[in-house]
Structures are given as structure tokens and as C-alpha cells.
Amino acid sequence: MIEYIEPYYQFALKAIAREATYRFEVFTGLGSVAVRMYLIRVVWVALYARNGAPHGVQLHAIITYSAVALLMGLILDIDQTRMLHEKLNDGSIVVDFMKPISVPLYLFSDGTGEVIFHTILLVPALVIALFIVHIDLPSAAVFGAFLLSFVLGYLVGAMLNFILNCVAFWTLEITAVQLMVTWVGDLLGGGIVPLLFFPAAIQNAILALPFAAMFSTPLLIYIGEYPPERYLQVMGLQVCWIVVLGAISVVVWRAGARRVVVQGG
């Protein structure tokens, strides 16, 4: 078992080392977080100054929501399997099929290494958030539930990205589709505006989508909109999406891999 896992562990370590070489980008990224944190606070303070608290969500809660959403975006906005798209474009995917490894696990390990590096950056980013916007900190139990839901949301996002990148087996170029999916995901996932602010008639439908499972579910747990008695329900939905998208991923990957083999690379 250890011998099977070891190569993928090394792939993740190499990805971390690769990301760490771009130090200037790291510092500019943290500077960008500081600016966006400040703008978040300014915008919401201005909006709440002229309007009451929508749906009973107080100003400090919505600022906390938006700040945590921004920090989550540092991780969830990373396409863990984008290397598949790149390899299909330059043809190097054929070489990977000849290696004694699972190509999907290789791609996921490399992407996860990148994610781990950016997760480490959340520590100084969190300090920035505490200093600029004074975000609320939940109880240990709520924070634990948030972390579990966040991991489930990360897996949902990984499956979606993998399916989208597998489309490149047939189209090669998927940039335009990725942009559309990203825009829809930001809007319907609750990463920009809480889904609680949407009309009640469509709110439940949106909350049932995989985009909400990525962002909205952990965020609403964090700010206390989902009480503990609802944790099993909302995280159960996240697990369902992981299973469904995982099954679709297997089908699409096998179809795409068969296409490469039949065409002889």
C-alpha cells in the first residue's frame, strides 16, 4: 500500500516546490488579498448604511462571510487537474499512459500539492483578514464542521474540474467553457453574494446544485446560518454530489482514454 501511494506523494511534494519558486507572485498575492479585504469591508458597510440587514444577516456576519469566501477562493479557484488540458494540447498525455501509474491520481496529486502550498498562505492571509475586517471566529465545534464541509466542497470542485478537463479529449480547447463555468459557479455557488439573498422561489433549487456544495454550504455553516442539527443533511448532499460526479468522472475518463488508444496517440 505504501509503495502504491509513494509516487503520488512525491508528485505532490514536487508541485509544492514548484509553486514555492514563484516568491514574487506569493507576495503580490498576499497584497491582493489585503486590498480585496479592505474593499469588501468598504462595500458592505456602504450598502448596510442605506439598507436594513437583509434576511436578518447582520453587517459583521456578511463581512465575515465575504472575507472567508475570499480565503476559500484561494484554494477552490485552483483547477487541480488543468495539467490534463495542457497535456492533451501538446500530446504528452500519450507518454503518461505508458507509465506504471494512474494518470488521474497523478494529475490530482500534482494539483493537490499546489493547493497545499496555497493553503499554507492562508495563515498570513487570515492574519490580514483579522487585522483589516475583524472577522468573527466560530466555536471549535462549528469550525470543525466548517473544515469538514470545506474538504467535501473541495472534492466536489475537483470532480467538476476533472470532468471539464476531460472534455478536452474531444475539443482540445476548453478555455471559453471554463470561463463560463467559473462565472456561473461564482454566482450560483454563493462565493460573491450569499444565496440567502436570492428570491425564496429559486433559493432551494440553487442550494441543491454542486456549486453551492463547494462554497455556500461551508460558508453558511461558518456564520451559523446552518445549525448543528442540519449538518448531516447539508454535508450529506455534498457527499451525494461527490459520488455522482465521481461516477461521471470515471465514465468520461474511460471514454476519453479509449479515444486516445484507438487513435494511436
C-alpha atoms as a PDB file:
ATOM      1  CA  MET A   1       0.000   0.000   0.000  1.00  0.00           C
ATOM      2  CA  ILE A   2       2.804   2.413   0.954  1.00  0.00           C
ATOM      3  CA  GLU A   3       4.655   1.578  -2.252  1.00  0.00           C
ATOM      4  CA  TYR A   4       1.498   2.428  -4.230  1.00  0.00           C
ATOM      5  CA  ILE A   5       0.999   5.778  -2.507  1.00  0.00           C
ATOM      6  CA  GLU A   6       4.657   6.870  -2.525  1.00  0.00           C
ATOM      7  CA  PRO A   7       4.830   8.090  -6.176  1.00  0.00           C
ATOM      8  CA  TYR A   8       1.769  10.306  -5.749  1.00  0.00           C
ATOM      9  CA  TYR A   9       3.174  11.688  -2.504  1.00  0.00           C
ATOM     10  CA  GLN A  10       6.330  12.651  -4.406  1.00  0.00           C
ATOM     11  CA  PHE A  11       4.265  14.255  -7.182  1.00  0.00           C
ATOM     12  CA  ALA A  12       2.572  16.444  -4.567  1.00  0.00           C
ATOM     13  CA  LEU A  13       5.931  17.432  -3.000  1.00  0.00           C
ATOM     14  CA  LYS A  14       7.324  18.430  -6.396  1.00  0.00           C
ATOM     15  CA  ALA A  15       4.259  20.588  -7.039  1.00  0.00           C
ATOM     16  CA  ILE A  16       4.756  22.346  -3.683  1.00  0.00           C
ATOM     17  CA  ALA A  17       8.419  23.014  -4.535  1.00  0.00           C
ATOM     18  CA  ARG A  18       7.434  24.302  -7.973  1.00  0.00           C
ATOM     19  CA  GLU A  19       4.903  26.753  -6.555  1.00  0.00           C
ATOM     20  CA  ALA A  20       7.357  27.964  -3.898  1.00  0.00           C
ATOM     21  CA  THR A  21       9.797  29.134  -6.566  1.00  0.00           C
ATOM     22  CA  TYR A  22       7.459  31.970  -7.591  1.00  0.00           C
ATOM     23  CA  ARG A  23       8.107  34.068  -4.484  1.00  0.00           C
ATOM     24  CA  PHE A  24       7.256  37.416  -6.029  1.00  0.00           C
ATOM     25  CA  GLU A  25       3.871  36.056  -7.058  1.00  0.00           C
ATOM     26  CA  VAL A  26       3.328  34.881  -3.476  1.00  0.00           C
ATOM     27  CA  PHE A  27       3.924  38.354  -2.029  1.00  0.00           C
ATOM     28  CA  THR A  28       1.806  40.098  -4.665  1.00  0.00           C
ATOM     29  CA  GLY A  29      -0.939  37.577  -3.993  1.00  0.00           C
ATOM     30  CA  LEU A  30      -0.959  38.460  -0.302  1.00  0.00           C
ATOM     31  CA  GLY A  31      -1.034  42.160  -1.216  1.00  0.00           C
ATOM     32  CA  SER A  32      -4.011  41.477  -3.459  1.00  0.00           C
ATOM     33  CA  VAL A  33      -5.798  39.740  -0.569  1.00  0.00           C
ATOM     34  CA  ALA A  34      -5.261  42.794   1.651  1.00  0.00           C
ATOM     35  CA  VAL A  35      -6.702  45.167  -0.959  1.00  0.00           C
ATOM     36  CA  ARG A  36      -9.712  42.944  -1.647  1.00  0.00           C
ATOM     37  CA  MET A  37     -10.374  42.530   2.095  1.00  0.00           C
ATOM     38  CA  TYR A  38     -10.455  46.288   2.510  1.00  0.00           C
ATOM     39  CA  LEU A  39     -12.777  46.739  -0.481  1.00  0.00           C
ATOM     40  CA  ILE A  40     -15.115  44.045   0.851  1.00  0.00           C
ATOM     41  CA  ARG A  41     -15.475  45.904   4.116  1.00  0.00           C
ATOM     42  CA  VAL A  42     -15.990  49.283   2.435  1.00  0.00           C
ATOM     43  CA  VAL A  43     -18.662  47.967   0.044  1.00  0.00           C
ATOM     44  CA  TRP A  44     -20.716  46.144   2.655  1.00  0.00           C
ATOM     45  CA  VAL A  45     -20.512  48.993   5.179  1.00  0.00           C
ATOM     46  CA  ALA A  46     -21.785  51.392   2.493  1.00  0.00           C
ATOM     47  CA  LEU A  47     -24.634  49.045   1.477  1.00  0.00           C
ATOM     48  CA  TYR A  48     -25.749  48.412   5.049  1.00  0.00           C
ATOM     49  CA  ALA A  49     -25.608  52.135   5.856  1.00  0.00           C
ATOM     50  CA  ARG A  50     -28.510  52.730   3.451  1.00  0.00           C
ATOM     51  CA  ASN A  51     -30.420  49.472   3.925  1.00  0.00           C
ATOM     52  CA  GLY A  52     -31.501  47.201   6.730  1.00  0.00           C
ATOM     53  CA  ALA A  53     -29.987  43.792   7.323  1.00  0.00           C
ATOM     54  CA  PRO A  54     -31.434  41.535   4.583  1.00  0.00           C
ATOM     55  CA  HIS A  55     -32.818  38.235   5.886  1.00  0.00           C
ATOM     56  CA  GLY A  56     -31.556  39.160   9.348  1.00  0.00           C
ATOM     57  CA  VAL A  57     -27.881  38.774   8.350  1.00  0.00           C
ATOM     58  CA  GLN A  58     -26.028  41.412  10.332  1.00  0.00           C
ATOM     59  CA  LEU A  59     -23.177  43.524   8.958  1.00  0.00           C
ATOM     60  CA  HIS A  60     -20.423  41.737  10.880  1.00  0.00           C
ATOM     61  CA  ALA A  61     -21.769  38.377   9.646  1.00  0.00           C
ATOM     62  CA  ILE A  62     -21.827  39.379   5.976  1.00  0.00           C
ATOM     63  CA  ILE A  63     -18.321  40.859   6.201  1.00  0.00           C
ATOM     64  CA  THR A  64     -17.125  37.623   7.820  1.00  0.00           C
ATOM     65  CA  TYR A  65     -18.915  35.606   5.119  1.00  0.00           C
ATOM     66  CA  SER A  66     -17.286  37.563   2.287  1.00  0.00           C
ATOM     67  CA  ALA A  67     -13.830  37.512   3.884  1.00  0.00           C
ATOM     68  CA  VAL A  68     -13.921  33.748   4.486  1.00  0.00           C
ATOM     69  CA  ALA A  69     -15.273  33.253   0.937  1.00  0.00           C
ATOM     70  CA  LEU A  70     -12.272  35.172  -0.393  1.00  0.00           C
ATOM     71  CA  LEU A  71      -9.869  32.981   1.594  1.00  0.00           C
ATOM     72  CA  MET A  72     -11.658  29.830   0.423  1.00  0.00           C
ATOM     73  CA  GLY A  73     -11.358  31.069  -3.144  1.00  0.00           C
ATOM     74  CA  LEU A  74      -7.560  30.990  -2.841  1.00  0.00           C
ATOM     75  CA  ILE A  75      -7.942  27.204  -2.771  1.00  0.00           C
ATOM     76  CA  LEU A  76     -11.203  26.374  -4.532  1.00  0.00           C
ATOM     77  CA  ASP A  77     -10.417  28.548  -7.556  1.00  0.00           C
ATOM     78  CA  ILE A  78      -7.393  26.372  -8.340  1.00  0.00           C
ATOM     79  CA  ASP A  79      -8.033  23.897 -11.154  1.00  0.00           C
ATOM     80  CA  GLN A  80      -6.364  20.801  -9.700  1.00  0.00           C
ATOM     81  CA  THR A  81      -6.379  18.870 -12.982  1.00  0.00           C
ATOM     82  CA  ARG A  82      -5.661  21.619 -15.525  1.00  0.00           C
ATOM     83  CA  MET A  83      -2.464  19.739 -16.434  1.00  0.00           C
ATOM     84  CA  LEU A  84      -4.703  17.264 -18.280  1.00  0.00           C
ATOM     85  CA  HIS A  85      -5.873  20.027 -20.622  1.00  0.00           C
ATOM     86  CA  GLU A  86      -2.265  21.111 -21.195  1.00  0.00           C
ATOM     87  CA  LYS A  87      -1.059  17.567 -21.853  1.00  0.00           C
ATOM     88  CA  LEU A  88      -3.856  16.908 -24.328  1.00  0.00           C
ATOM     89  CA  ASN A  89      -2.905  20.057 -26.217  1.00  0.00           C
ATOM     90  CA  ASP A  90       0.799  19.182 -26.546  1.00  0.00           C
ATOM     91  CA  GLY A  91       0.264  15.433 -26.891  1.00  0.00           C
ATOM     92  CA  SER A  92       2.365  14.453 -23.870  1.00  0.00           C
ATOM     93  CA  ILE A  93      -0.605  12.590 -22.365  1.00  0.00           C
ATOM     94  CA  VAL A  94       0.422   9.620 -24.535  1.00  0.00           C
ATOM     95  CA  VAL A  95       3.692   9.289 -22.603  1.00  0.00           C
ATOM     96  CA  ASP A  96       1.796   9.353 -19.284  1.00  0.00           C
ATOM     97  CA  PHE A  97      -0.383   6.453 -20.424  1.00  0.00           C
ATOM     98  CA  MET A  98       2.790   4.411 -20.866  1.00  0.00           C
ATOM     99  CA  LYS A  99       3.923   4.972 -17.264  1.00  0.00           C
ATOM    100  CA  PRO A 100       3.060   2.464 -14.479  1.00  0.00           C
ATOM    101  CA  ILE A 101       0.862   4.995 -12.681  1.00  0.00           C
ATOM    102  CA  SER A 102      -2.760   6.047 -12.510  1.00  0.00           C
ATOM    103  CA  VAL A 103      -2.869   9.180 -14.649  1.00  0.00           C
ATOM    104  CA  PRO A 104      -5.917  10.685 -12.876  1.00  0.00           C
ATOM    105  CA  LEU A 105      -4.242  10.186  -9.483  1.00  0.00           C
ATOM    106  CA  TYR A 106      -1.039  11.704 -10.844  1.00  0.00           C
ATOM    107  CA  LEU A 107      -2.921  14.788 -12.030  1.00  0.00           C
ATOM    108  CA  PHE A 108      -4.843  15.045  -8.745  1.00  0.00           C
ATOM    109  CA  SER A 109      -1.632  14.652  -6.683  1.00  0.00           C
ATOM    110  CA  ASP A 110       0.110  17.428  -8.617  1.00  0.00           C
ATOM    111  CA  GLY A 111      -2.881  19.725  -8.238  1.00  0.00           C
ATOM    112  CA  THR A 112      -3.249  18.894  -4.557  1.00  0.00           C
ATOM    113  CA  GLY A 113       0.394  19.826  -3.976  1.00  0.00           C
ATOM    114  CA  GLU A 114      -0.357  23.239  -5.453  1.00  0.00           C
ATOM    115  CA  VAL A 115      -3.437  23.504  -3.247  1.00  0.00           C
ATOM    116  CA  ILE A 116      -1.453  22.577  -0.117  1.00  0.00           C
ATOM    117  CA  PHE A 117       1.046  25.349  -0.841  1.00  0.00           C
ATOM    118  CA  HIS A 118      -1.739  27.912  -1.236  1.00  0.00           C
ATOM    119  CA  THR A 119      -3.376  26.591   1.938  1.00  0.00           C
ATOM    120  CA  ILE A 120      -0.200  27.470   3.816  1.00  0.00           C
ATOM    121  CA  LEU A 121      -0.629  31.017   2.523  1.00  0.00           C
ATOM    122  CA  LEU A 122      -3.985  31.156   4.299  1.00  0.00           C
ATOM    123  CA  VAL A 123      -2.164  31.691   7.598  1.00  0.00           C
ATOM    124  CA  PRO A 124      -0.772  35.162   6.741  1.00  0.00           C
ATOM    125  CA  ALA A 125      -3.923  35.862   4.721  1.00  0.00           C
ATOM    126  CA  LEU A 126      -6.031  35.083   7.799  1.00  0.00           C
ATOM    127  CA  VAL A 127      -3.907  37.466   9.866  1.00  0.00           C
ATOM    128  CA  ILE A 128      -4.553  40.140   7.232  1.00  0.00           C
ATOM    129  CA  ALA A 129      -8.279  39.408   7.418  1.00  0.00           C
ATOM    130  CA  LEU A 130      -8.330  39.653  11.213  1.00  0.00           C
ATOM    131  CA  PHE A 131      -6.453  42.956  11.102  1.00  0.00           C
ATOM    132  CA  ILE A 132      -8.433  44.630   8.303  1.00  0.00           C
ATOM    133  CA  VAL A 133     -12.001  43.350   8.659  1.00  0.00           C
ATOM    134  CA  HIS A 134     -12.057  41.721  12.120  1.00  0.00           C
ATOM    135  CA  ILE A 135     -13.838  38.537  11.008  1.00  0.00           C
ATOM    136  CA  ASP A 136     -15.830  36.531  13.541  1.00  0.00           C
ATOM    137  CA  LEU A 137     -14.299  33.311  14.850  1.00  0.00           C
ATOM    138  CA  PRO A 138     -16.770  30.447  15.488  1.00  0.00           C
ATOM    139  CA  SER A 139     -16.652  27.882  18.280  1.00  0.00           C
ATOM    140  CA  ALA A 140     -14.321  24.896  17.948  1.00  0.00           C
ATOM    141  CA  ALA A 141     -17.245  22.593  17.104  1.00  0.00           C
ATOM    142  CA  VAL A 142     -18.591  24.882  14.384  1.00  0.00           C
ATOM    143  CA  PHE A 143     -15.101  25.421  12.967  1.00  0.00           C
ATOM    144  CA  GLY A 144     -14.560  21.661  12.845  1.00  0.00           C
ATOM    145  CA  ALA A 145     -17.824  21.225  10.934  1.00  0.00           C
ATOM    146  CA  PHE A 146     -16.782  24.035   8.599  1.00  0.00           C
ATOM    147  CA  LEU A 147     -13.436  22.362   7.877  1.00  0.00           C
ATOM    148  CA  LEU A 148     -15.115  19.016   7.131  1.00  0.00           C
ATOM    149  CA  SER A 149     -17.639  20.701   4.834  1.00  0.00           C
ATOM    150  CA  PHE A 150     -14.820  22.652   3.182  1.00  0.00           C
ATOM    151  CA  VAL A 151     -12.941  19.424   2.382  1.00  0.00           C
ATOM    152  CA  LEU A 152     -16.108  17.920   0.910  1.00  0.00           C
ATOM    153  CA  GLY A 153     -16.626  21.078  -1.144  1.00  0.00           C
ATOM    154  CA  TYR A 154     -13.038  20.855  -2.350  1.00  0.00           C
ATOM    155  CA  LEU A 155     -13.654  17.304  -3.596  1.00  0.00           C
ATOM    156  CA  VAL A 156     -16.836  18.410  -5.383  1.00  0.00           C
ATOM    157  CA  GLY A 157     -14.831  21.141  -7.132  1.00  0.00           C
ATOM    158  CA  ALA A 158     -12.063  18.691  -8.024  1.00  0.00           C
ATOM    159  CA  MET A 159     -14.566  16.366  -9.688  1.00  0.00           C
ATOM    160  CA  LEU A 160     -16.143  19.214 -11.651  1.00  0.00           C
ATOM    161  CA  ASN A 161     -12.748  20.419 -12.846  1.00  0.00           C
ATOM    162  CA  PHE A 162     -11.711  16.910 -13.843  1.00  0.00           C
ATOM    163  CA  ILE A 163     -14.876  16.356 -15.901  1.00  0.00           C
ATOM    164  CA  LEU A 164     -14.413  19.709 -17.604  1.00  0.00           C
ATOM    165  CA  ASN A 165     -10.772  18.993 -18.436  1.00  0.00           C
ATOM    166  CA  CYS A 166     -11.725  15.574 -19.796  1.00  0.00           C
ATOM    167  CA  VAL A 167     -13.881  17.352 -22.386  1.00  0.00           C
ATOM    168  CA  ALA A 168     -10.561  18.359 -23.995  1.00  0.00           C
ATOM    169  CA  PHE A 169     -10.242  14.740 -25.208  1.00  0.00           C
ATOM    170  CA  TRP A 170     -12.807  15.736 -27.836  1.00  0.00           C
ATOM    171  CA  THR A 171     -12.460  19.523 -28.203  1.00  0.00           C
ATOM    172  CA  LEU A 172      -8.814  20.202 -27.191  1.00  0.00           C
ATOM    173  CA  GLU A 173      -9.701  23.838 -26.353  1.00  0.00           C
ATOM    174  CA  ILE A 174     -11.976  24.390 -23.335  1.00  0.00           C
ATOM    175  CA  THR A 175     -10.953  27.890 -22.165  1.00  0.00           C
ATOM    176  CA  ALA A 176     -14.254  29.538 -23.112  1.00  0.00           C
ATOM    177  CA  VAL A 177     -16.277  26.816 -21.395  1.00  0.00           C
ATOM    178  CA  GLN A 178     -14.092  27.102 -18.295  1.00  0.00           C
ATOM    179  CA  LEU A 179     -14.733  30.838 -18.109  1.00  0.00           C
ATOM    180  CA  MET A 180     -18.492  30.314 -18.347  1.00  0.00           C
ATOM    181  CA  VAL A 181     -18.494  27.568 -15.715  1.00  0.00           C
ATOM    182  CA  THR A 182     -16.337  29.723 -13.412  1.00  0.00           C
ATOM    183  CA  TRP A 183     -18.716  32.671 -13.772  1.00  0.00           C
ATOM    184  CA  VAL A 184     -21.787  30.535 -13.145  1.00  0.00           C
ATOM    185  CA  GLY A 185     -20.054  28.819 -10.235  1.00  0.00           C
ATOM    186  CA  ASP A 186     -19.140  32.127  -8.584  1.00  0.00           C
ATOM    187  CA  LEU A 187     -22.703  33.399  -8.969  1.00  0.00           C
ATOM    188  CA  LEU A 188     -24.631  30.265  -8.003  1.00  0.00           C
ATOM    189  CA  GLY A 189     -22.086  28.993  -5.503  1.00  0.00           C
ATOM    190  CA  GLY A 190     -22.564  31.884  -3.103  1.00  0.00           C
ATOM    191  CA  GLY A 191     -18.942  32.981  -3.294  1.00  0.00           C
ATOM    192  CA  ILE A 192     -19.897  36.534  -4.288  1.00  0.00           C
ATOM    193  CA  VAL A 193     -23.298  37.088  -2.676  1.00  0.00           C
ATOM    194  CA  PRO A 194     -24.868  34.749  -0.068  1.00  0.00           C
ATOM    195  CA  LEU A 195     -27.547  32.558  -1.594  1.00  0.00           C
ATOM    196  CA  LEU A 196     -29.775  33.624   1.301  1.00  0.00           C
ATOM    197  CA  PHE A 197     -30.230  36.925  -0.565  1.00  0.00           C
ATOM    198  CA  PHE A 198     -31.726  35.183  -3.609  1.00  0.00           C
ATOM    199  CA  PRO A 199     -35.529  35.050  -4.082  1.00  0.00           C
ATOM    200  CA  ALA A 200     -37.052  32.293  -1.973  1.00  0.00           C
ATOM    201  CA  ALA A 201     -38.686  30.744  -5.055  1.00  0.00           C
ATOM    202  CA  ILE A 202     -35.336  29.717  -6.542  1.00  0.00           C
ATOM    203  CA  GLN A 203     -33.139  29.622  -3.448  1.00  0.00           C
ATOM    204  CA  ASN A 204     -33.741  25.948  -2.610  1.00  0.00           C
ATOM    205  CA  ALA A 205     -33.052  24.892  -6.193  1.00  0.00           C
ATOM    206  CA  ILE A 206     -29.755  26.786  -6.252  1.00  0.00           C
ATOM    207  CA  LEU A 207     -28.717  25.403  -2.857  1.00  0.00           C
ATOM    208  CA  ALA A 208     -29.130  21.889  -4.257  1.00  0.00           C
ATOM    209  CA  LEU A 209     -26.574  22.489  -7.051  1.00  0.00           C
ATOM    210  CA  PRO A 210     -22.936  21.303  -6.827  1.00  0.00           C
ATOM    211  CA  PHE A 211     -21.734  24.935  -6.968  1.00  0.00           C
ATOM    212  CA  ALA A 212     -23.466  25.621  -3.645  1.00  0.00           C
ATOM    213  CA  ALA A 213     -21.918  22.446  -2.218  1.00  0.00           C
ATOM    214  CA  MET A 214     -18.491  23.955  -2.934  1.00  0.00           C
ATOM    215  CA  PHE A 215     -18.889  27.424  -1.437  1.00  0.00           C
ATOM    216  CA  SER A 216     -22.247  28.140   0.161  1.00  0.00           C
ATOM    217  CA  THR A 217     -22.560  25.088   2.434  1.00  0.00           C
ATOM    218  CA  PRO A 218     -19.285  25.563   4.382  1.00  0.00           C
ATOM    219  CA  LEU A 219     -19.790  29.339   4.479  1.00  0.00           C
ATOM    220  CA  LEU A 220     -23.317  29.110   5.907  1.00  0.00           C
ATOM    221  CA  ILE A 221     -22.018  26.643   8.494  1.00  0.00           C
ATOM    222  CA  TYR A 222     -19.260  29.085   9.425  1.00  0.00           C
ATOM    223  CA  ILE A 223     -21.560  32.058  10.070  1.00  0.00           C
ATOM    224  CA  GLY A 224     -24.139  29.922  11.898  1.00  0.00           C
ATOM    225  CA  GLU A 225     -26.946  30.031   9.316  1.00  0.00           C
ATOM    226  CA  TYR A 226     -26.899  26.225   9.314  1.00  0.00           C
ATOM    227  CA  PRO A 227     -27.424  24.986  12.905  1.00  0.00           C
ATOM    228  CA  PRO A 228     -25.790  21.717  14.086  1.00  0.00           C
ATOM    229  CA  GLU A 229     -28.992  19.723  13.533  1.00  0.00           C
ATOM    230  CA  ARG A 230     -28.722  20.464   9.785  1.00  0.00           C
ATOM    231  CA  TYR A 231     -25.072  19.456   9.400  1.00  0.00           C
ATOM    232  CA  LEU A 232     -25.879  15.857   8.470  1.00  0.00           C
ATOM    233  CA  GLN A 233     -28.370  16.970   5.831  1.00  0.00           C
ATOM    234  CA  VAL A 234     -26.235  19.592   4.089  1.00  0.00           C
ATOM    235  CA  MET A 235     -22.997  17.606   4.243  1.00  0.00           C
ATOM    236  CA  GLY A 236     -24.877  14.513   3.105  1.00  0.00           C
ATOM    237  CA  LEU A 237     -25.810  16.444  -0.034  1.00  0.00           C
ATOM    238  CA  GLN A 238     -22.132  17.266  -0.563  1.00  0.00           C
ATOM    239  CA  VAL A 239     -21.267  13.563  -0.307  1.00  0.00           C
ATOM    240  CA  CYS A 240     -24.013  12.728  -2.815  1.00  0.00           C
ATOM    241  CA  TRP A 241     -22.522  15.173  -5.310  1.00  0.00           C
ATOM    242  CA  ILE A 242     -19.062  13.653  -4.792  1.00  0.00           C
ATOM    243  CA  VAL A 243     -20.447  10.188  -5.582  1.00  0.00           C
ATOM    244  CA  VAL A 244     -22.437  11.370  -8.618  1.00  0.00           C
ATOM    245  CA  LEU A 245     -19.631  13.485 -10.073  1.00  0.00           C
ATOM    246  CA  GLY A 246     -17.101  10.757  -9.270  1.00  0.00           C
ATOM    247  CA  ALA A 247     -19.127   8.249 -11.285  1.00  0.00           C
ATOM    248  CA  ILE A 248     -19.396  10.688 -14.192  1.00  0.00           C
ATOM    249  CA  SER A 249     -15.634  11.312 -13.967  1.00  0.00           C
ATOM    250  CA  VAL A 250     -14.904   7.592 -14.328  1.00  0.00           C
ATOM    251  CA  VAL A 251     -17.180   7.252 -17.371  1.00  0.00           C
ATOM    252  CA  VAL A 252     -15.815  10.360 -19.121  1.00  0.00           C
ATOM    253  CA  TRP A 253     -12.187   9.445 -18.368  1.00  0.00           C
ATOM    254  CA  ARG A 254     -12.528   5.911 -19.717  1.00  0.00           C
ATOM    255  CA  ALA A 255     -14.228   7.180 -22.866  1.00  0.00           C
ATOM    256  CA  GLY A 256     -11.517   9.791 -23.393  1.00  0.00           C
ATOM    257  CA  ALA A 257      -8.652   7.387 -22.689  1.00  0.00           C
ATOM    258  CA  ARG A 258     -10.152   4.851 -25.106  1.00  0.00           C
ATOM    259  CA  ARG A 259     -10.260   7.561 -27.752  1.00  0.00           C
ATOM    260  CA  VAL A 260      -6.517   8.199 -27.356  1.00  0.00           C
ATOM    261  CA  VAL A 261      -5.685   4.487 -27.522  1.00  0.00           C
ATOM    262  CA  VAL A 262      -7.900   3.828 -30.568  1.00  0.00           C
ATOM    263  CA  GLN A 263      -6.371   6.748 -32.466  1.00  0.00           C
ATOM    264  CA  GLY A 264      -2.904   5.549 -31.572  1.00  0.00           C
ATOM    265  CA  GLY A 265      -1.998   8.696 -29.584  1.00  0.00           C
END
